[in-house]
Amino acid sequence: MRDDLHVDPRGGAGAGRVDVCVQLGSDRYVLEHTRIDPFEDAVTIGIKFSEFVSPIADHFSGVLPGPAYHTLLLPQDLKLGGKNKKQIATIQKALIDWISGKAPRLYDQAATTGLGQSHASAVRELPGLLPYPASLSCCMTGPPSDTDAGSFAVVRAPGADLEQQRFRRLRRALAEKGPKLQRCKDRGARTVLVLECGDIALSNSVSIRAALSRVAEGRADIPDETYLVETKVETWHVWPMNSAAEAAFPSDFNIECKAFESAHLDDLMSQDAPEVQCNVCVGP
């Protein structure tokens, strides 16, 4: 049974308190939540990436030969910092011109080779314009046609240091949340860290757990239970990230994660936070 639930009010009044404190049966639990991304500023970089590639994707929508997949591969970090709108527009046009010249040739190569065979062309640099590598590929999905247009997509390629960046992001998460949870653990609570991930392209439970295991080495303030909650689609998946979390799953639950339909969940954090005098989560 859940009892004596209180949450940290948003707006600064609950500075120093944990996100959630609740009594479950005979145990007092405290929970901290943090969003994690595969690298720092991933959300901002993702927005900038979308803004940059949208005109390129719109330009080639429904106009390339098909049926075929045409894919432009760009690095996740576009390195466009400091460039104004006019300079960015010039880079976009340079890419469009390059794709316009390369795509028909790649299509002809793919059509000659046959279905399922991909052909690619790469450009390392457009002098003075494109400060990062890009590649274009074409793969036939059916016999050549005069009526079927090819699809066009822009894909982000992870950098070679992706896992090092993930490690640094998780290390910061534990550095921020660990001491706060440990303070409550010293007062008799069971501690839970919830890691939320909304990334669909560069993250998964295996890579996050591996990085988290490395981050936890040598720390004395590791939470009792750590979970990964994937919120990238309407069905949220909850993954246990350590052995204690695995043991806390229901005994009749025999698969690796548990799924919840987000629309069916109650938003406990939206409740008005009561004024509480809790000897576990209140106080320095």
Foldseek 3Di string as FASTA:
>chain_A
DKDDKFAQAPDPPRPLFAGIWIDDPPAIEGEHEDEFELFPPLVVLVVVVCVLCVVVQVVQAQPAWAQKEKEKEFASRQPCPPDDPVLSVVLSVVVSVVCVVPRVVLVVVQLVVDAPDKDKDKDADDPPRRPGIMMMMMGHPDHTDPPGHYHYYYHHDYDPCSLVRNLVRLLVVCVVVQVSQQQLVVVPHQYEYEYEYQDDPPDDLVSNLVSNVVSCPPDPRDGQWYWYWHDNDQKIKIATSDPSNVVPPDPPDDDGIDIDRNVPDDDPSVDDGDDDDDPRGDDD
